[in-house]
């Protein structure tokens, strides 16, 4: 596979920007990328000219350009089930007072396509377009359970995986065992595996061929997710996922 270094450098540069790093100076960028400052400056100038970056005249710092909003809307439009699923998620959020997510699998991560509900204190801050490791999230486990073992290992490697909390599954054999359980029961639970104090329950969205194409989940502070509440949320999430799949993929 041929790689055009200038394009890769531009991509690497753009990937430096994140929620925690919304703006970066030339000096900050050069500390992350092993290129001469003059090369980085030329790349930055090109990206500004094309609209992928903006430069703050007051601070001389760079930030992502508005062109990404247009590109993001085009990507989201491919997932027509996002609009179809939203009324269902809103209904769940209104009924429970919790936060509900919709995501797809992207490599070894999940990408949040939608988020509905205000939630309660302790609920983790997630953003549409954000990503999280699939192996330690309920939605990720639901979608990973639908891939073959060779594909699973291609996506994640053999482990061990980085530990996010004391409950994170970090070994491949243990993850495989967990995914078999998910496959049999039809839903997945994240028991404070990604974020301390947060439990999630997820169920798959399937297309007309039965393939898992996305997942929905409830995100609930652990102190409120026990006993009958777990059963109630699980029933609501799995039933809603079934209704969305039947109506929007199998009609």
C-alpha atoms as a PDB file:
ATOM      1  CA  UNK A   1       0.000   0.000   0.000  1.00  0.00           C
ATOM      2  CA  UNK A   2       1.403   3.356  -1.053  1.00  0.00           C
ATOM      3  CA  UNK A   3       1.257   6.235   1.450  1.00  0.00           C
ATOM      4  CA  UNK A   4       1.483   9.887   0.471  1.00  0.00           C
ATOM      5  CA  UNK A   5       3.445  11.359   3.343  1.00  0.00           C
ATOM      6  CA  UNK A   6       2.121  14.898   2.974  1.00  0.00           C
ATOM      7  CA  UNK A   7      -1.466  13.660   3.184  1.00  0.00           C
ATOM      8  CA  UNK A   8      -0.688  11.444   6.170  1.00  0.00           C
ATOM      9  CA  UNK A   9       1.009  14.347   7.924  1.00  0.00           C
ATOM     10  CA  UNK A  10      -2.062  16.511   7.388  1.00  0.00           C
ATOM     11  CA  UNK A  11      -4.326  13.793   8.758  1.00  0.00           C
ATOM     12  CA  UNK A  12      -2.073  13.248  11.768  1.00  0.00           C
ATOM     13  CA  UNK A  13      -2.158  16.972  12.414  1.00  0.00           C
ATOM     14  CA  UNK A  14      -5.947  17.182  12.238  1.00  0.00           C
ATOM     15  CA  UNK A  15      -6.300  14.214  14.592  1.00  0.00           C
ATOM     16  CA  UNK A  16      -4.443  16.168  17.283  1.00  0.00           C
ATOM     17  CA  UNK A  17      -7.529  18.296  17.878  1.00  0.00           C
ATOM     18  CA  UNK A  18     -10.031  16.962  20.383  1.00  0.00           C
ATOM     19  CA  UNK A  19     -12.510  18.027  23.050  1.00  0.00           C
ATOM     20  CA  UNK A  20      -9.623  18.361  25.494  1.00  0.00           C
ATOM     21  CA  UNK A  21      -7.443  20.122  22.887  1.00  0.00           C
ATOM     22  CA  UNK A  22      -9.797  22.359  20.865  1.00  0.00           C
ATOM     23  CA  UNK A  23      -7.089  24.884  20.018  1.00  0.00           C
ATOM     24  CA  UNK A  24      -3.370  24.403  19.413  1.00  0.00           C
ATOM     25  CA  UNK A  25      -0.481  26.698  18.598  1.00  0.00           C
ATOM     26  CA  UNK A  26       2.261  25.938  16.079  1.00  0.00           C
ATOM     27  CA  UNK A  27       4.664  25.240  18.948  1.00  0.00           C
ATOM     28  CA  UNK A  28       2.194  22.862  20.619  1.00  0.00           C
ATOM     29  CA  UNK A  29       1.554  21.029  17.363  1.00  0.00           C
ATOM     30  CA  UNK A  30       5.278  20.655  16.690  1.00  0.00           C
ATOM     31  CA  UNK A  31       5.675  19.014  20.107  1.00  0.00           C
ATOM     32  CA  UNK A  32       3.279  16.251  19.013  1.00  0.00           C
ATOM     33  CA  UNK A  33       4.427  15.762  15.417  1.00  0.00           C
ATOM     34  CA  UNK A  34       7.993  14.876  14.466  1.00  0.00           C
ATOM     35  CA  UNK A  35       8.326  17.346  11.598  1.00  0.00           C
ATOM     36  CA  UNK A  36      10.234  20.564  11.074  1.00  0.00           C
ATOM     37  CA  UNK A  37       8.271  23.653  12.062  1.00  0.00           C
ATOM     38  CA  UNK A  38       8.448  25.004   8.512  1.00  0.00           C
ATOM     39  CA  UNK A  39       6.765  21.841   7.155  1.00  0.00           C
ATOM     40  CA  UNK A  40       4.087  21.991   9.838  1.00  0.00           C
ATOM     41  CA  UNK A  41       3.484  25.676   9.079  1.00  0.00           C
ATOM     42  CA  UNK A  42       3.005  24.954   5.356  1.00  0.00           C
ATOM     43  CA  UNK A  43       0.573  22.161   6.180  1.00  0.00           C
ATOM     44  CA  UNK A  44      -1.334  24.415   8.569  1.00  0.00           C
ATOM     45  CA  UNK A  45      -1.527  27.184   5.964  1.00  0.00           C
ATOM     46  CA  UNK A  46      -2.896  24.740   3.394  1.00  0.00           C
ATOM     47  CA  UNK A  47      -5.506  23.417   5.816  1.00  0.00           C
ATOM     48  CA  UNK A  48      -6.582  26.961   6.726  1.00  0.00           C
ATOM     49  CA  UNK A  49      -6.857  27.900   3.063  1.00  0.00           C
ATOM     50  CA  UNK A  50      -9.041  24.846   2.387  1.00  0.00           C
ATOM     51  CA  UNK A  51     -11.285  25.507   5.396  1.00  0.00           C
ATOM     52  CA  UNK A  52     -10.271  22.472   7.427  1.00  0.00           C
ATOM     53  CA  UNK A  53      -8.664  24.717  10.037  1.00  0.00           C
ATOM     54  CA  UNK A  54      -9.210  28.242  11.302  1.00  0.00           C
ATOM     55  CA  UNK A  55      -6.562  30.509  12.825  1.00  0.00           C
ATOM     56  CA  UNK A  56      -7.441  32.839  15.694  1.00  0.00           C
ATOM     57  CA  UNK A  57      -5.887  36.201  14.835  1.00  0.00           C
ATOM     58  CA  UNK A  58      -5.663  37.230  18.477  1.00  0.00           C
ATOM     59  CA  UNK A  59      -3.946  34.109  19.823  1.00  0.00           C
ATOM     60  CA  UNK A  60      -2.437  32.659  16.607  1.00  0.00           C
ATOM     61  CA  UNK A  61      -3.868  29.296  17.663  1.00  0.00           C
ATOM     62  CA  UNK A  62      -5.551  26.883  15.277  1.00  0.00           C
ATOM     63  CA  UNK A  63      -8.908  25.116  15.601  1.00  0.00           C
ATOM     64  CA  UNK A  64     -10.988  22.833  13.403  1.00  0.00           C
ATOM     65  CA  UNK A  65     -12.899  24.631  10.656  1.00  0.00           C
ATOM     66  CA  UNK A  66     -16.617  24.703   9.975  1.00  0.00           C
ATOM     67  CA  UNK A  67     -16.124  22.478   6.939  1.00  0.00           C
ATOM     68  CA  UNK A  68     -16.170  19.559   9.377  1.00  0.00           C
ATOM     69  CA  UNK A  69     -19.788  20.338  10.230  1.00  0.00           C
ATOM     70  CA  UNK A  70     -20.733  19.921   6.581  1.00  0.00           C
ATOM     71  CA  UNK A  71     -18.738  16.718   6.278  1.00  0.00           C
ATOM     72  CA  UNK A  72     -20.203  15.385   9.527  1.00  0.00           C
ATOM     73  CA  UNK A  73     -23.750  16.037   8.348  1.00  0.00           C
ATOM     74  CA  UNK A  74     -23.039  14.120   5.157  1.00  0.00           C
ATOM     75  CA  UNK A  75     -21.703  11.172   7.139  1.00  0.00           C
ATOM     76  CA  UNK A  76     -24.647  11.196   9.545  1.00  0.00           C
ATOM     77  CA  UNK A  77     -27.090  11.289   6.622  1.00  0.00           C
ATOM     78  CA  UNK A  78     -25.833   7.845   5.569  1.00  0.00           C
ATOM     79  CA  UNK A  79     -27.167   6.442   8.834  1.00  0.00           C
ATOM     80  CA  UNK A  80     -30.864   6.972   8.154  1.00  0.00           C
ATOM     81  CA  UNK A  81     -31.738   4.833  11.170  1.00  0.00           C
ATOM     82  CA  UNK A  82     -30.458   7.675  13.370  1.00  0.00           C
ATOM     83  CA  UNK A  83     -33.534   9.779  12.589  1.00  0.00           C
ATOM     84  CA  UNK A  84     -35.755   6.715  12.807  1.00  0.00           C
ATOM     85  CA  UNK A  85     -34.391   5.722  16.207  1.00  0.00           C
ATOM     86  CA  UNK A  86     -34.536   9.157  17.825  1.00  0.00           C
ATOM     87  CA  UNK A  87     -38.277   9.179  18.699  1.00  0.00           C
ATOM     88  CA  UNK A  88     -37.829   5.815  20.430  1.00  0.00           C
ATOM     89  CA  UNK A  89     -34.840   7.075  22.400  1.00  0.00           C
ATOM     90  CA  UNK A  90     -36.710  10.238  23.347  1.00  0.00           C
ATOM     91  CA  UNK A  91     -39.571   8.096  24.609  1.00  0.00           C
ATOM     92  CA  UNK A  92     -37.193   6.074  26.774  1.00  0.00           C
ATOM     93  CA  UNK A  93     -35.522   9.209  28.105  1.00  0.00           C
ATOM     94  CA  UNK A  94     -38.870  10.814  28.976  1.00  0.00           C
ATOM     95  CA  UNK A  95     -40.066   7.676  30.713  1.00  0.00           C
ATOM     96  CA  UNK A  96     -36.930   6.966  32.739  1.00  0.00           C
ATOM     97  CA  UNK A  97     -35.139  10.291  33.131  1.00  0.00           C
ATOM     98  CA  UNK A  98     -31.910   8.631  31.983  1.00  0.00           C
ATOM     99  CA  UNK A  99     -29.542   9.168  29.048  1.00  0.00           C
ATOM    100  CA  UNK A 100     -29.744   6.963  25.954  1.00  0.00           C
ATOM    101  CA  UNK A 101     -27.167   6.593  23.197  1.00  0.00           C
ATOM    102  CA  UNK A 102     -27.022   5.283  19.643  1.00  0.00           C
ATOM    103  CA  UNK A 103     -23.661   4.189  18.248  1.00  0.00           C
ATOM    104  CA  UNK A 104     -21.944   2.249  15.467  1.00  0.00           C
ATOM    105  CA  UNK A 105     -18.744   0.233  15.475  1.00  0.00           C
ATOM    106  CA  UNK A 106     -15.735   1.910  13.874  1.00  0.00           C
ATOM    107  CA  UNK A 107     -12.654  -0.259  14.038  1.00  0.00           C
ATOM    108  CA  UNK A 108     -11.904  -0.980  17.685  1.00  0.00           C
ATOM    109  CA  UNK A 109     -14.086   1.895  18.891  1.00  0.00           C
ATOM    110  CA  UNK A 110     -17.707   2.905  19.025  1.00  0.00           C
ATOM    111  CA  UNK A 111     -18.784   6.240  17.558  1.00  0.00           C
ATOM    112  CA  UNK A 112     -21.722   8.001  19.202  1.00  0.00           C
ATOM    113  CA  UNK A 113     -24.302   8.926  16.568  1.00  0.00           C
ATOM    114  CA  UNK A 114     -26.916  10.289  18.949  1.00  0.00           C
ATOM    115  CA  UNK A 115     -27.510  11.127  22.582  1.00  0.00           C
ATOM    116  CA  UNK A 116     -30.903  11.791  24.135  1.00  0.00           C
ATOM    117  CA  UNK A 117     -31.882  12.824  27.656  1.00  0.00           C
ATOM    118  CA  UNK A 118     -30.484  15.011  30.396  1.00  0.00           C
ATOM    119  CA  UNK A 119     -29.632  12.291  32.868  1.00  0.00           C
ATOM    120  CA  UNK A 120     -28.782  12.813  36.501  1.00  0.00           C
ATOM    121  CA  UNK A 121     -25.655  13.747  38.501  1.00  0.00           C
ATOM    122  CA  UNK A 122     -22.722  11.345  37.971  1.00  0.00           C
ATOM    123  CA  UNK A 123     -23.779  10.584  34.378  1.00  0.00           C
ATOM    124  CA  UNK A 124     -20.679  10.606  32.166  1.00  0.00           C
ATOM    125  CA  UNK A 125     -20.268  13.397  29.602  1.00  0.00           C
ATOM    126  CA  UNK A 126     -20.414  11.971  26.071  1.00  0.00           C
ATOM    127  CA  UNK A 127     -20.718  13.814  22.766  1.00  0.00           C
ATOM    128  CA  UNK A 128     -22.168  12.973  19.371  1.00  0.00           C
ATOM    129  CA  UNK A 129     -19.221  12.114  17.148  1.00  0.00           C
ATOM    130  CA  UNK A 130     -17.113  11.075  20.121  1.00  0.00           C
ATOM    131  CA  UNK A 131     -15.588   7.650  20.402  1.00  0.00           C
ATOM    132  CA  UNK A 132     -14.911   5.095  23.138  1.00  0.00           C
ATOM    133  CA  UNK A 133     -13.141   1.702  23.194  1.00  0.00           C
ATOM    134  CA  UNK A 134     -15.607  -0.997  22.200  1.00  0.00           C
ATOM    135  CA  UNK A 135     -14.317  -3.743  24.494  1.00  0.00           C
ATOM    136  CA  UNK A 136     -15.318  -1.923  27.696  1.00  0.00           C
ATOM    137  CA  UNK A 137     -18.676  -0.477  26.654  1.00  0.00           C
ATOM    138  CA  UNK A 138     -22.062  -2.178  26.559  1.00  0.00           C
ATOM    139  CA  UNK A 139     -22.791  -0.980  23.026  1.00  0.00           C
ATOM    140  CA  UNK A 140     -19.338  -2.062  21.906  1.00  0.00           C
ATOM    141  CA  UNK A 141     -19.764  -5.530  23.349  1.00  0.00           C
ATOM    142  CA  UNK A 142     -23.156  -5.907  21.650  1.00  0.00           C
ATOM    143  CA  UNK A 143     -21.602  -5.129  18.280  1.00  0.00           C
ATOM    144  CA  UNK A 144     -18.388  -7.088  18.832  1.00  0.00           C
ATOM    145  CA  UNK A 145     -20.498 -10.144  19.703  1.00  0.00           C
ATOM    146  CA  UNK A 146     -21.689 -10.179  16.089  1.00  0.00           C
ATOM    147  CA  UNK A 147     -18.228 -10.402  14.499  1.00  0.00           C
ATOM    148  CA  UNK A 148     -16.184 -13.551  13.918  1.00  0.00           C
ATOM    149  CA  UNK A 149     -13.278 -14.476  16.182  1.00  0.00           C
ATOM    150  CA  UNK A 150     -10.648 -13.712  13.486  1.00  0.00           C
ATOM    151  CA  UNK A 151     -12.266 -10.317  12.900  1.00  0.00           C
ATOM    152  CA  UNK A 152     -12.406  -9.668  16.636  1.00  0.00           C
ATOM    153  CA  UNK A 153      -8.686 -10.321  16.970  1.00  0.00           C
ATOM    154  CA  UNK A 154      -7.955  -8.220  13.895  1.00  0.00           C
ATOM    155  CA  UNK A 155      -9.828  -5.298  15.440  1.00  0.00           C
ATOM    156  CA  UNK A 156      -8.531  -5.580  18.998  1.00  0.00           C
ATOM    157  CA  UNK A 157      -5.361  -7.635  18.822  1.00  0.00           C
ATOM    158  CA  UNK A 158      -4.666 -10.353  21.380  1.00  0.00           C
ATOM    159  CA  UNK A 159      -4.630  -8.054  24.418  1.00  0.00           C
ATOM    160  CA  UNK A 160      -4.145  -7.253  27.149  1.00  0.00           C
ATOM    161  CA  UNK A 161      -6.325  -4.165  26.722  1.00  0.00           C
ATOM    162  CA  UNK A 162      -5.859  -0.887  28.604  1.00  0.00           C
ATOM    163  CA  UNK A 163      -7.668  -0.830  31.923  1.00  0.00           C
ATOM    164  CA  UNK A 164     -10.191   2.011  32.284  1.00  0.00           C
ATOM    165  CA  UNK A 165     -11.512   0.955  35.706  1.00  0.00           C
ATOM    166  CA  UNK A 166     -10.997  -1.896  38.158  1.00  0.00           C
ATOM    167  CA  UNK A 167     -13.875  -3.711  36.410  1.00  0.00           C
ATOM    168  CA  UNK A 168     -12.511  -3.458  32.862  1.00  0.00           C
ATOM    169  CA  UNK A 169     -12.106  -6.743  30.995  1.00  0.00           C
ATOM    170  CA  UNK A 170      -8.494  -6.659  29.823  1.00  0.00           C
ATOM    171  CA  UNK A 171      -7.794 -10.228  28.613  1.00  0.00           C
ATOM    172  CA  UNK A 172      -8.973 -11.634  25.274  1.00  0.00           C
ATOM    173  CA  UNK A 173     -10.139 -15.044  26.644  1.00  0.00           C
ATOM    174  CA  UNK A 174     -12.307 -13.287  29.234  1.00  0.00           C
ATOM    175  CA  UNK A 175     -13.687 -10.927  26.587  1.00  0.00           C
ATOM    176  CA  UNK A 176     -14.548 -13.838  24.281  1.00  0.00           C
ATOM    177  CA  UNK A 177     -16.402 -15.486  27.162  1.00  0.00           C
ATOM    178  CA  UNK A 178     -18.285 -12.248  27.804  1.00  0.00           C
ATOM    179  CA  UNK A 179     -19.218 -11.839  24.129  1.00  0.00           C
ATOM    180  CA  UNK A 180     -20.580 -15.391  23.990  1.00  0.00           C
ATOM    181  CA  UNK A 181     -22.806 -14.523  26.929  1.00  0.00           C
ATOM    182  CA  UNK A 182     -23.938 -11.331  25.179  1.00  0.00           C
ATOM    183  CA  UNK A 183     -24.743 -13.254  22.016  1.00  0.00           C
ATOM    184  CA  UNK A 184     -26.908 -15.758  23.904  1.00  0.00           C
ATOM    185  CA  UNK A 185     -28.833 -13.272  26.034  1.00  0.00           C
ATOM    186  CA  UNK A 186     -29.262 -10.586  23.360  1.00  0.00           C
ATOM    187  CA  UNK A 187     -27.985  -7.638  25.383  1.00  0.00           C
ATOM    188  CA  UNK A 188     -24.805  -6.429  27.074  1.00  0.00           C
ATOM    189  CA  UNK A 189     -24.032  -4.837  30.421  1.00  0.00           C
ATOM    190  CA  UNK A 190     -21.203  -2.457  31.199  1.00  0.00           C
ATOM    191  CA  UNK A 191     -20.767  -2.794  34.954  1.00  0.00           C
ATOM    192  CA  UNK A 192     -18.604   0.266  35.621  1.00  0.00           C
ATOM    193  CA  UNK A 193     -16.114  -1.055  33.055  1.00  0.00           C
ATOM    194  CA  UNK A 194     -15.578   2.204  31.156  1.00  0.00           C
ATOM    195  CA  UNK A 195     -16.315   4.829  33.805  1.00  0.00           C
ATOM    196  CA  UNK A 196     -16.439   4.450  37.596  1.00  0.00           C
ATOM    197  CA  UNK A 197     -19.947   4.844  38.954  1.00  0.00           C
ATOM    198  CA  UNK A 198     -21.659   4.293  35.585  1.00  0.00           C
ATOM    199  CA  UNK A 199     -23.562   1.222  34.394  1.00  0.00           C
ATOM    200  CA  UNK A 200     -24.930   0.754  30.886  1.00  0.00           C
ATOM    201  CA  UNK A 201     -27.248  -1.732  29.233  1.00  0.00           C
ATOM    202  CA  UNK A 202     -27.214  -2.064  25.440  1.00  0.00           C
ATOM    203  CA  UNK A 203     -29.072  -3.991  22.767  1.00  0.00           C
ATOM    204  CA  UNK A 204     -28.383  -4.398  19.038  1.00  0.00           C
ATOM    205  CA  UNK A 205     -30.113  -2.879  16.031  1.00  0.00           C
ATOM    206  CA  UNK A 206     -30.242  -5.367  13.174  1.00  0.00           C
ATOM    207  CA  UNK A 207     -30.849  -4.943   9.454  1.00  0.00           C
ATOM    208  CA  UNK A 208     -33.212  -7.086   7.397  1.00  0.00           C
ATOM    209  CA  UNK A 209     -30.550  -9.809   7.150  1.00  0.00           C
ATOM    210  CA  UNK A 210     -30.152  -9.987  10.911  1.00  0.00           C
ATOM    211  CA  UNK A 211     -26.732  -8.338  10.915  1.00  0.00           C
ATOM    212  CA  UNK A 212     -25.981  -5.993  13.803  1.00  0.00           C
ATOM    213  CA  UNK A 213     -25.437  -2.518  12.362  1.00  0.00           C
ATOM    214  CA  UNK A 214     -25.715  -0.339  15.477  1.00  0.00           C
ATOM    215  CA  UNK A 215     -26.620  -0.411  19.152  1.00  0.00           C
ATOM    216  CA  UNK A 216     -28.626   1.599  21.657  1.00  0.00           C
ATOM    217  CA  UNK A 217     -27.929   1.863  25.360  1.00  0.00           C
ATOM    218  CA  UNK A 218     -29.088   3.315  28.659  1.00  0.00           C
ATOM    219  CA  UNK A 219     -26.440   5.113  30.732  1.00  0.00           C
ATOM    220  CA  UNK A 220     -27.294   5.170  34.425  1.00  0.00           C
ATOM    221  CA  UNK A 221     -25.402   6.010  37.643  1.00  0.00           C
ATOM    222  CA  UNK A 222     -24.555   2.703  39.340  1.00  0.00           C
ATOM    223  CA  UNK A 223     -26.284   3.726  42.566  1.00  0.00           C
ATOM    224  CA  UNK A 224     -29.626   3.671  40.735  1.00  0.00           C
ATOM    225  CA  UNK A 225     -28.954   0.609  38.571  1.00  0.00           C
ATOM    226  CA  UNK A 226     -29.601  -2.438  40.732  1.00  0.00           C
ATOM    227  CA  UNK A 227     -32.220  -5.072  41.421  1.00  0.00           C
ATOM    228  CA  UNK A 228     -35.575  -4.417  39.762  1.00  0.00           C
ATOM    229  CA  UNK A 229     -34.204  -1.301  38.058  1.00  0.00           C
ATOM    230  CA  UNK A 230     -31.727  -3.370  36.066  1.00  0.00           C
ATOM    231  CA  UNK A 231     -34.480  -5.696  34.876  1.00  0.00           C
ATOM    232  CA  UNK A 232     -36.746  -2.769  33.993  1.00  0.00           C
ATOM    233  CA  UNK A 233     -34.098  -0.883  31.998  1.00  0.00           C
ATOM    234  CA  UNK A 234     -32.930  -4.080  30.284  1.00  0.00           C
ATOM    235  CA  UNK A 235     -36.477  -4.949  29.219  1.00  0.00           C
ATOM    236  CA  UNK A 236     -37.089  -1.431  27.880  1.00  0.00           C
ATOM    237  CA  UNK A 237     -33.811  -1.247  25.955  1.00  0.00           C
ATOM    238  CA  UNK A 238     -34.082  -4.703  24.357  1.00  0.00           C
ATOM    239  CA  UNK A 239     -37.735  -4.202  23.438  1.00  0.00           C
ATOM    240  CA  UNK A 240     -37.042  -0.797  21.940  1.00  0.00           C
ATOM    241  CA  UNK A 241     -34.115  -2.159  19.923  1.00  0.00           C
ATOM    242  CA  UNK A 242     -36.398  -4.900  18.594  1.00  0.00           C
ATOM    243  CA  UNK A 243     -39.083  -2.377  17.600  1.00  0.00           C
ATOM    244  CA  UNK A 244     -36.602  -0.115  15.827  1.00  0.00           C
ATOM    245  CA  UNK A 245     -35.093  -3.062  13.951  1.00  0.00           C
ATOM    246  CA  UNK A 246     -38.481  -4.438  12.861  1.00  0.00           C
ATOM    247  CA  UNK A 247     -39.930  -1.123  11.790  1.00  0.00           C
ATOM    248  CA  UNK A 248     -36.932   0.513  10.166  1.00  0.00           C
ATOM    249  CA  UNK A 249     -34.869  -2.354   8.783  1.00  0.00           C
ATOM    250  CA  UNK A 250     -37.326  -5.155   8.034  1.00  0.00           C
ATOM    251  CA  UNK A 251     -40.280  -3.269   6.548  1.00  0.00           C
END
